[in-house]
C-alpha atoms as a PDB file:
ATOM      1  CA  MET A   1       1.676 -66.289 -66.818  1.00  0.00           C
ATOM      2  CA  SER A   2       1.472 -69.933 -67.594  1.00  0.00           C
ATOM      3  CA  ALA A   3      -1.026 -71.297 -70.098  1.00  0.00           C
ATOM      4  CA  ASN A   4      -2.656 -73.248 -67.292  1.00  0.00           C
ATOM      5  CA  LEU A   5      -3.073 -70.044 -65.104  1.00  0.00           C
ATOM      6  CA  ALA A   6      -4.184 -68.123 -68.091  1.00  0.00           C
ATOM      7  CA  ALA A   7      -6.899 -70.704 -68.944  1.00  0.00           C
ATOM      8  CA  SER A   8      -8.016 -70.735 -65.265  1.00  0.00           C
ATOM      9  CA  VAL A   9      -8.229 -66.969 -65.180  1.00  0.00           C
ATOM     10  CA  VAL A  10     -10.365 -66.985 -68.591  1.00  0.00           C
ATOM     11  CA  GLY A  11     -12.600 -69.465 -67.528  1.00  0.00           C
ATOM     12  CA  THR A  12     -13.175 -68.173 -63.942  1.00  0.00           C
ATOM     13  CA  VAL A  13     -14.144 -64.610 -65.678  1.00  0.00           C
ATOM     14  CA  ALA A  14     -16.358 -66.522 -68.326  1.00  0.00           C
ATOM     15  CA  ALA A  15     -18.003 -68.328 -65.514  1.00  0.00           C
ATOM     16  CA  LEU A  16     -18.586 -65.300 -63.373  1.00  0.00           C
ATOM     17  CA  LEU A  17     -20.012 -63.188 -66.423  1.00  0.00           C
ATOM     18  CA  SER A  18     -22.587 -66.110 -67.231  1.00  0.00           C
ATOM     19  CA  ILE A  19     -23.567 -66.574 -63.618  1.00  0.00           C
ATOM     20  CA  THR A  20     -24.099 -62.771 -63.354  1.00  0.00           C
ATOM     21  CA  SER A  21     -25.963 -62.058 -66.428  1.00  0.00           C
ATOM     22  CA  PHE A  22     -29.076 -63.370 -65.119  1.00  0.00           C
ATOM     23  CA  VAL A  23     -29.075 -60.788 -62.284  1.00  0.00           C
ATOM     24  CA  PRO A  24     -30.434 -57.931 -63.896  1.00  0.00           C
ATOM     25  CA  GLN A  25     -33.289 -59.770 -65.508  1.00  0.00           C
ATOM     26  CA  ILE A  26     -34.257 -61.336 -62.016  1.00  0.00           C
ATOM     27  CA  VAL A  27     -34.017 -57.993 -60.367  1.00  0.00           C
ATOM     28  CA  LYS A  28     -36.437 -56.408 -63.015  1.00  0.00           C
ATOM     29  CA  ILE A  29     -38.903 -59.315 -62.763  1.00  0.00           C
ATOM     30  CA  TRP A  30     -39.005 -59.060 -59.128  1.00  0.00           C
ATOM     31  CA  ARG A  31     -39.381 -55.160 -59.142  1.00  0.00           C
ATOM     32  CA  GLU A  32     -41.995 -54.948 -61.691  1.00  0.00           C
ATOM     33  CA  LYS A  33     -43.726 -58.409 -60.910  1.00  0.00           C
ATOM     34  CA  ASP A  34     -44.136 -58.592 -64.503  1.00  0.00           C
ATOM     35  CA  ALA A  35     -42.633 -61.300 -66.850  1.00  0.00           C
ATOM     36  CA  GLU A  36     -44.531 -61.089 -69.889  1.00  0.00           C
ATOM     37  CA  SER A  37     -41.233 -59.926 -71.963  1.00  0.00           C
ATOM     38  CA  VAL A  38     -39.385 -63.084 -70.887  1.00  0.00           C
ATOM     39  CA  SER A  39     -39.526 -65.772 -73.382  1.00  0.00           C
ATOM     40  CA  LEU A  40     -40.740 -69.253 -71.842  1.00  0.00           C
ATOM     41  CA  ARG A  41     -39.108 -71.295 -74.626  1.00  0.00           C
ATOM     42  CA  THR A  42     -35.621 -69.550 -74.637  1.00  0.00           C
ATOM     43  CA  TYR A  43     -35.624 -70.027 -70.832  1.00  0.00           C
ATOM     44  CA  LEU A  44     -36.628 -73.632 -71.189  1.00  0.00           C
ATOM     45  CA  VAL A  45     -33.885 -74.286 -73.598  1.00  0.00           C
ATOM     46  CA  THR A  46     -31.535 -72.471 -71.465  1.00  0.00           C
ATOM     47  CA  VAL A  47     -32.027 -74.498 -68.420  1.00  0.00           C
ATOM     48  CA  THR A  48     -31.933 -77.536 -70.383  1.00  0.00           C
ATOM     49  CA  GLY A  49     -28.513 -76.583 -71.785  1.00  0.00           C
ATOM     50  CA  PHE A  50     -27.025 -75.987 -68.367  1.00  0.00           C
ATOM     51  CA  SER A  51     -28.362 -79.356 -67.031  1.00  0.00           C
ATOM     52  CA  CYS A  52     -26.480 -80.834 -70.318  1.00  0.00           C
ATOM     53  CA  TRP A  53     -23.340 -79.236 -69.482  1.00  0.00           C
ATOM     54  CA  ILE A  54     -23.637 -80.475 -65.662  1.00  0.00           C
ATOM     55  CA  ALA A  55     -24.179 -83.804 -67.064  1.00  0.00           C
ATOM     56  CA  TYR A  56     -21.240 -83.348 -69.307  1.00  0.00           C
ATOM     57  CA  GLY A  57     -19.034 -82.094 -66.661  1.00  0.00           C
ATOM     58  CA  VAL A  58     -19.935 -85.094 -64.315  1.00  0.00           C
ATOM     59  CA  LEU A  59     -18.889 -87.365 -67.139  1.00  0.00           C
ATOM     60  CA  ILE A  60     -15.492 -85.807 -67.797  1.00  0.00           C
ATOM     61  CA  LYS A  61     -15.227 -85.291 -63.872  1.00  0.00           C
ATOM     62  CA  ALA A  62     -14.591 -81.503 -64.440  1.00  0.00           C
ATOM     63  CA  TRP A  63     -15.709 -79.612 -61.141  1.00  0.00           C
ATOM     64  CA  PRO A  64     -15.298 -76.230 -62.827  1.00  0.00           C
ATOM     65  CA  VAL A  65     -17.578 -77.189 -65.314  1.00  0.00           C
ATOM     66  CA  ILE A  66     -20.215 -78.774 -63.031  1.00  0.00           C
ATOM     67  CA  ALA A  67     -19.893 -75.865 -60.396  1.00  0.00           C
ATOM     68  CA  SER A  68     -20.198 -72.983 -62.959  1.00  0.00           C
ATOM     69  CA  ASN A  69     -23.283 -74.716 -64.465  1.00  0.00           C
ATOM     70  CA  ILE A  70     -24.913 -75.293 -61.346  1.00  0.00           C
ATOM     71  CA  ALA A  71     -24.820 -71.753 -60.519  1.00  0.00           C
ATOM     72  CA  SER A  72     -26.182 -70.832 -63.979  1.00  0.00           C
ATOM     73  CA  LEU A  73     -28.841 -73.430 -64.055  1.00  0.00           C
ATOM     74  CA  LEU A  74     -30.002 -71.773 -60.342  1.00  0.00           C
ATOM     75  CA  MET A  75     -29.947 -68.438 -61.743  1.00  0.00           C
ATOM     76  CA  SER A  76     -31.825 -69.290 -65.079  1.00  0.00           C
ATOM     77  CA  GLY A  77     -34.098 -71.500 -63.202  1.00  0.00           C
ATOM     78  CA  ALA A  78     -34.924 -68.657 -61.009  1.00  0.00           C
ATOM     79  CA  VAL A  79     -36.078 -66.644 -64.191  1.00  0.00           C
ATOM     80  CA  LEU A  80     -38.304 -69.472 -65.276  1.00  0.00           C
ATOM     81  CA  VAL A  81     -39.948 -69.764 -61.812  1.00  0.00           C
ATOM     82  CA  LEU A  82     -40.420 -65.860 -62.043  1.00  0.00           C
ATOM     83  CA  LYS A  83     -41.722 -66.340 -65.621  1.00  0.00           C
ATOM     84  CA  TRP A  84     -44.331 -68.601 -64.099  1.00  0.00           C
ATOM     85  CA  ARG A  85     -45.123 -66.793 -61.249  1.00  0.00           C
ATOM     86  CA  PHE A  86     -45.553 -63.247 -62.636  1.00  0.00           C
ATOM     87  CA  THR A  87     -47.159 -64.268 -66.004  1.00  0.00           C
ATOM     88  CA  ARG A  88     -50.592 -62.700 -66.147  1.00  0.00           C
ATOM     89  CA  LYS A  89     -53.214 -65.452 -65.844  1.00  0.00           C
ATOM     90  CA  ASP A  90     -55.770 -63.634 -67.812  1.00  0.00           C
ATOM     91  CA  ASP A  91     -53.842 -63.863 -71.130  1.00  0.00           C
END
C-alpha cells in the first residue's frame, strides 16, 4: 500500500469515527428529552474548534479537512441545539 493511499485510508477512518462519535449522544438526548448531563461549555468549545478547522481547511484548500469538519460541526451543533432545547427551564 502506498503512503498516499495509507494516509487517505487513515484520514477517512478518522473522519468517519469523529463524525459518528456524536450519534450516541444525539440519540440519547432525543430519546430521553433530557440534556442536563451535556456540558454546554464543552460543546461550545467543540463547535468553535470545528469552525476553526473548517477555516483552516479553506485557507490551505484541503477539501477533506473542510468536508469532515463540516460534518462534525453539524453533528456537534445538533447536540448543542438539543442541549438548549431540552434543558429544563426551572433550573
